[in-house]
Amino acid sequence: MAGSIPTEGPELVPQEGVGVPDALQRLWTPHRMAYIKGENKPEGDSSAGCPFCALVHLDDAEALVVARGETVYAVLNLYPYNPGHLMVVPYRHVADYTDLTEAETDELARFTQQAMRVARKVAAPHGFNIGMNQGVVAGAGIAAHLHQHLVPRWGGDANFMPVIGHTKVLPQLLGDTRALLADAWTD
């Protein structure tokens, strides 16, 4: 049986006794296990332990912050769906969109527009998914602190990897993506 499993390839780890050998290579993404297990997610509605509240006290490069405004900031998603997936987040720990002040609402909209311009400039996406999940039942991973997602999209980006392989291939490190977006933010 071992003879039918390829012995060359990137990080190939043949495993005996785990089913019929299929000659497929596995792309392991162990860093996603923290997200799957919900590590570092705050419990409850308080700002204590909230990663969005903690990020504002870190260095921009370390926190993956792309730009800071008066009431909101733009930050790369630590678990991106696509390259350049960022979030616009109010500094204030607030859960519901209807609880934003007028200034927060306005700046959130302006930052979203600027994020689109910047993404178009540095990565030329064909489109975007933009939105926020309000509440845990709506899919909010951190429901207690509102954040709007901006996901750049390209034709064919939903290929077999996420659909069949349940894996997303990101061709650029988050730090490199952050640097590109941050440098183009003020242009």
Protein backbone atom coordinates (compact mmCIF):
# COMPACT_ATOMS: atom_id res chain seq x y z
CA MET A 1 0.00 0.00 0.00
CA ALA A 2 2.79 2.43 0.85
CA GLY A 3 4.15 2.05 -2.68
CA SER A 4 1.06 3.72 -4.16
CA ILE A 5 1.43 6.87 -2.03
CA PRO A 6 3.69 9.51 -3.59
CA THR A 7 6.93 9.96 -1.69
CA GLU A 8 7.85 13.39 -3.05
CA GLY A 9 6.18 16.75 -2.75
CA PRO A 10 5.83 19.73 -0.49
CA GLU A 11 5.40 18.70 3.12
CA LEU A 12 4.12 15.28 2.13
CA VAL A 13 3.33 13.14 5.14
CA PRO A 14 2.13 9.68 4.16
CA GLN A 15 -0.13 8.07 6.77
CA GLU A 16 -0.80 4.38 6.86
CA GLY A 17 -4.09 2.99 8.12
CA VAL A 18 -6.24 6.06 7.54
CA GLY A 19 -8.23 4.83 4.60
CA VAL A 20 -7.62 3.97 0.99
CA PRO A 21 -4.54 5.76 -0.37
CA ASP A 22 -5.73 8.34 -2.87
CA ALA A 23 -2.44 9.97 -3.95
CA LEU A 24 -3.79 13.39 -2.96
CA GLN A 25 -1.53 15.79 -1.17
CA ARG A 26 -2.92 17.48 1.93
CA LEU A 27 -2.50 21.20 2.49
CA TRP A 28 -2.46 21.57 6.26
CA THR A 29 -3.57 24.86 7.79
CA PRO A 30 -3.05 24.33 11.53
CA HIS A 31 -3.16 28.08 12.24
CA ARG A 32 -6.92 27.96 11.53
CA MET A 33 -7.48 25.65 14.52
CA ALA A 34 -7.32 28.65 16.88
CA TYR A 35 -10.22 30.22 14.96
CA ILE A 36 -12.19 26.98 14.81
CA LYS A 37 -11.80 26.45 18.56
CA GLY A 38 -12.79 30.05 19.27
CA GLU A 39 -9.53 30.90 21.02
CA ASN A 40 -9.11 34.56 21.97
CA LYS A 41 -12.81 35.26 21.45
CA PRO A 42 -14.23 37.37 24.26
CA GLU A 43 -16.95 35.99 26.45
CA GLY A 44 -19.94 38.17 27.14
CA ASP A 45 -20.59 41.70 26.02
CA SER A 46 -17.92 43.61 27.96
CA SER A 47 -14.91 45.23 26.35
CA ALA A 48 -12.60 43.25 28.66
CA GLY A 49 -10.82 40.72 26.49
CA CYS A 50 -12.26 42.14 23.25
CA PRO A 51 -9.61 41.81 20.52
CA PHE A 52 -10.94 44.87 18.66
CA CYS A 53 -10.53 46.97 21.80
CA ALA A 54 -7.04 45.53 22.44
CA LEU A 55 -5.79 46.12 18.87
CA VAL A 56 -5.96 49.90 19.16
CA HIS A 57 -3.22 49.85 21.82
CA LEU A 58 -0.76 47.90 19.64
CA ASP A 59 1.64 49.03 16.94
CA ASP A 60 -0.14 49.22 13.57
CA ALA A 61 2.08 46.60 11.88
CA GLU A 62 1.74 44.18 14.81
CA ALA A 63 -2.03 44.65 14.99
CA LEU A 64 -2.40 44.60 11.16
CA VAL A 65 -4.06 48.02 11.34
CA VAL A 66 -4.13 49.60 7.88
CA ALA A 67 -5.42 53.06 8.81
CA ARG A 68 -6.80 54.96 11.80
CA GLY A 69 -9.50 57.59 11.77
CA GLU A 70 -11.17 59.70 14.45
CA THR A 71 -13.87 57.15 15.36
CA VAL A 72 -13.02 54.00 13.35
CA TYR A 73 -10.01 52.09 12.09
CA ALA A 74 -9.35 49.60 9.27
CA VAL A 75 -7.64 46.31 10.14
CA LEU A 76 -6.88 43.15 8.21
CA ASN A 77 -8.88 40.10 9.20
CA LEU A 78 -6.61 37.62 10.99
CA TYR A 79 -8.56 34.77 9.36
CA PRO A 80 -9.18 36.20 5.86
CA TYR A 81 -11.57 34.76 3.29
CA ASN A 82 -9.48 36.36 0.52
CA PRO A 83 -6.30 38.42 0.29
CA GLY A 84 -7.00 41.98 1.40
CA HIS A 85 -10.01 41.00 3.56
CA LEU A 86 -10.24 43.81 6.05
CA MET A 87 -12.67 45.15 8.58
CA VAL A 88 -13.72 48.68 9.49
CA VAL A 89 -14.18 48.82 13.25
CA PRO A 90 -15.37 51.61 15.56
CA TYR A 91 -13.03 52.35 18.46
CA ARG A 92 -16.02 52.39 20.75
CA HIS A 93 -17.13 48.97 22.00
CA VAL A 94 -20.63 48.87 20.51
CA ALA A 95 -22.53 45.87 19.17
CA ASP A 96 -25.42 47.20 17.14
CA TYR A 97 -25.26 49.29 13.98
CA THR A 98 -28.19 51.40 15.16
CA ASP A 99 -26.18 52.41 18.25
CA LEU A 100 -23.42 54.11 16.23
CA THR A 101 -23.24 57.87 16.48
CA GLU A 102 -23.70 59.94 13.35
CA ALA A 103 -19.95 60.62 13.26
CA GLU A 104 -19.15 56.89 13.58
CA THR A 105 -21.66 55.99 10.85
CA ASP A 106 -20.24 58.62 8.49
CA GLU A 107 -16.62 57.65 9.06
CA LEU A 108 -17.39 53.94 8.77
CA ALA A 109 -18.91 54.65 5.34
CA ARG A 110 -15.97 56.85 4.26
CA PHE A 111 -13.43 54.23 5.43
CA THR A 112 -15.31 51.53 3.50
CA GLN A 113 -15.16 53.65 0.35
CA GLN A 114 -11.45 54.35 0.86
CA ALA A 115 -10.78 50.65 1.47
CA MET A 116 -12.40 49.86 -1.88
CA ARG A 117 -10.28 52.50 -3.66
CA VAL A 118 -7.10 51.22 -2.04
CA ALA A 119 -7.87 47.56 -2.79
CA ARG A 120 -8.59 48.44 -6.42
CA LYS A 121 -5.29 50.30 -6.63
CA VAL A 122 -3.07 47.60 -5.12
CA ALA A 123 -4.86 44.36 -6.07
CA ALA A 124 -7.40 45.09 -8.85
CA PRO A 125 -10.26 42.95 -7.51
CA HIS A 126 -13.23 42.35 -9.80
CA GLY A 127 -15.73 43.04 -7.02
CA PHE A 128 -16.33 43.09 -3.26
CA ASN A 129 -18.46 41.53 -0.57
CA ILE A 130 -19.22 44.20 2.03
CA GLY A 131 -21.27 43.69 5.14
CA MET A 132 -21.64 43.08 8.82
CA ASN A 133 -23.13 40.22 10.76
CA GLN A 134 -25.35 41.52 13.55
CA GLY A 135 -25.56 38.96 16.35
CA VAL A 136 -24.21 35.47 16.86
CA VAL A 137 -27.13 33.86 15.00
CA ALA A 138 -26.27 36.02 11.98
CA GLY A 139 -22.70 34.73 11.96
CA ALA A 140 -20.88 37.40 13.97
CA GLY A 141 -17.71 35.85 15.38
CA ILE A 142 -17.33 38.75 17.81
CA ALA A 143 -20.89 39.95 18.20
CA ALA A 144 -20.23 42.39 21.04
CA HIS A 145 -18.06 44.71 18.91
CA LEU A 146 -19.49 45.76 15.56
CA HIS A 147 -17.19 45.40 12.55
CA GLN A 148 -17.85 45.70 8.83
CA HIS A 149 -16.14 43.26 6.48
CA LEU A 150 -14.75 44.23 3.10
CA VAL A 151 -13.72 41.16 1.09
CA PRO A 152 -12.09 41.70 -2.32
CA ARG A 153 -13.28 39.17 -4.91
CA TRP A 154 -11.85 37.95 -8.21
CA GLY A 155 -13.42 35.80 -10.91
CA GLY A 156 -12.68 32.18 -10.07
CA ASP A 157 -11.55 32.85 -6.50
CA ALA A 158 -14.09 30.32 -5.20
CA ASN A 159 -12.44 27.34 -6.82
CA PHE A 160 -12.16 23.74 -5.67
CA MET A 161 -9.90 24.56 -2.69
CA PRO A 162 -12.55 26.08 -0.39
CA VAL A 163 -15.45 24.15 -1.90
CA ILE A 164 -13.94 20.66 -1.82
CA GLY A 165 -10.73 21.05 0.14
CA HIS A 166 -12.17 23.36 2.82
CA THR A 167 -8.94 25.33 2.51
CA LYS A 168 -8.23 28.86 1.38
CA VAL A 169 -4.94 29.52 -0.37
CA LEU A 170 -3.66 33.03 0.32
CA PRO A 171 -0.73 34.03 -1.88
CA GLN A 172 0.52 36.85 0.35
CA LEU A 173 1.49 37.16 4.00
CA LEU A 174 -0.80 39.36 6.11
CA GLY A 175 2.06 41.71 7.01
CA ASP A 176 2.87 42.25 3.32
CA THR A 177 -0.81 42.85 2.50
CA ARG A 178 -1.10 45.31 5.38
CA ALA A 179 1.97 47.24 4.19
CA LEU A 180 0.59 47.55 0.64
CA LEU A 181 -2.81 48.77 1.81
CA ALA A 182 -1.43 51.12 4.47
CA ASP A 183 1.05 52.70 2.03
CA ALA A 184 -1.72 53.30 -0.53
CA TRP A 185 -4.31 54.52 2.01
CA THR A 186 -3.30 58.17 1.90
CA ASP A 187 -2.53 58.38 -1.84
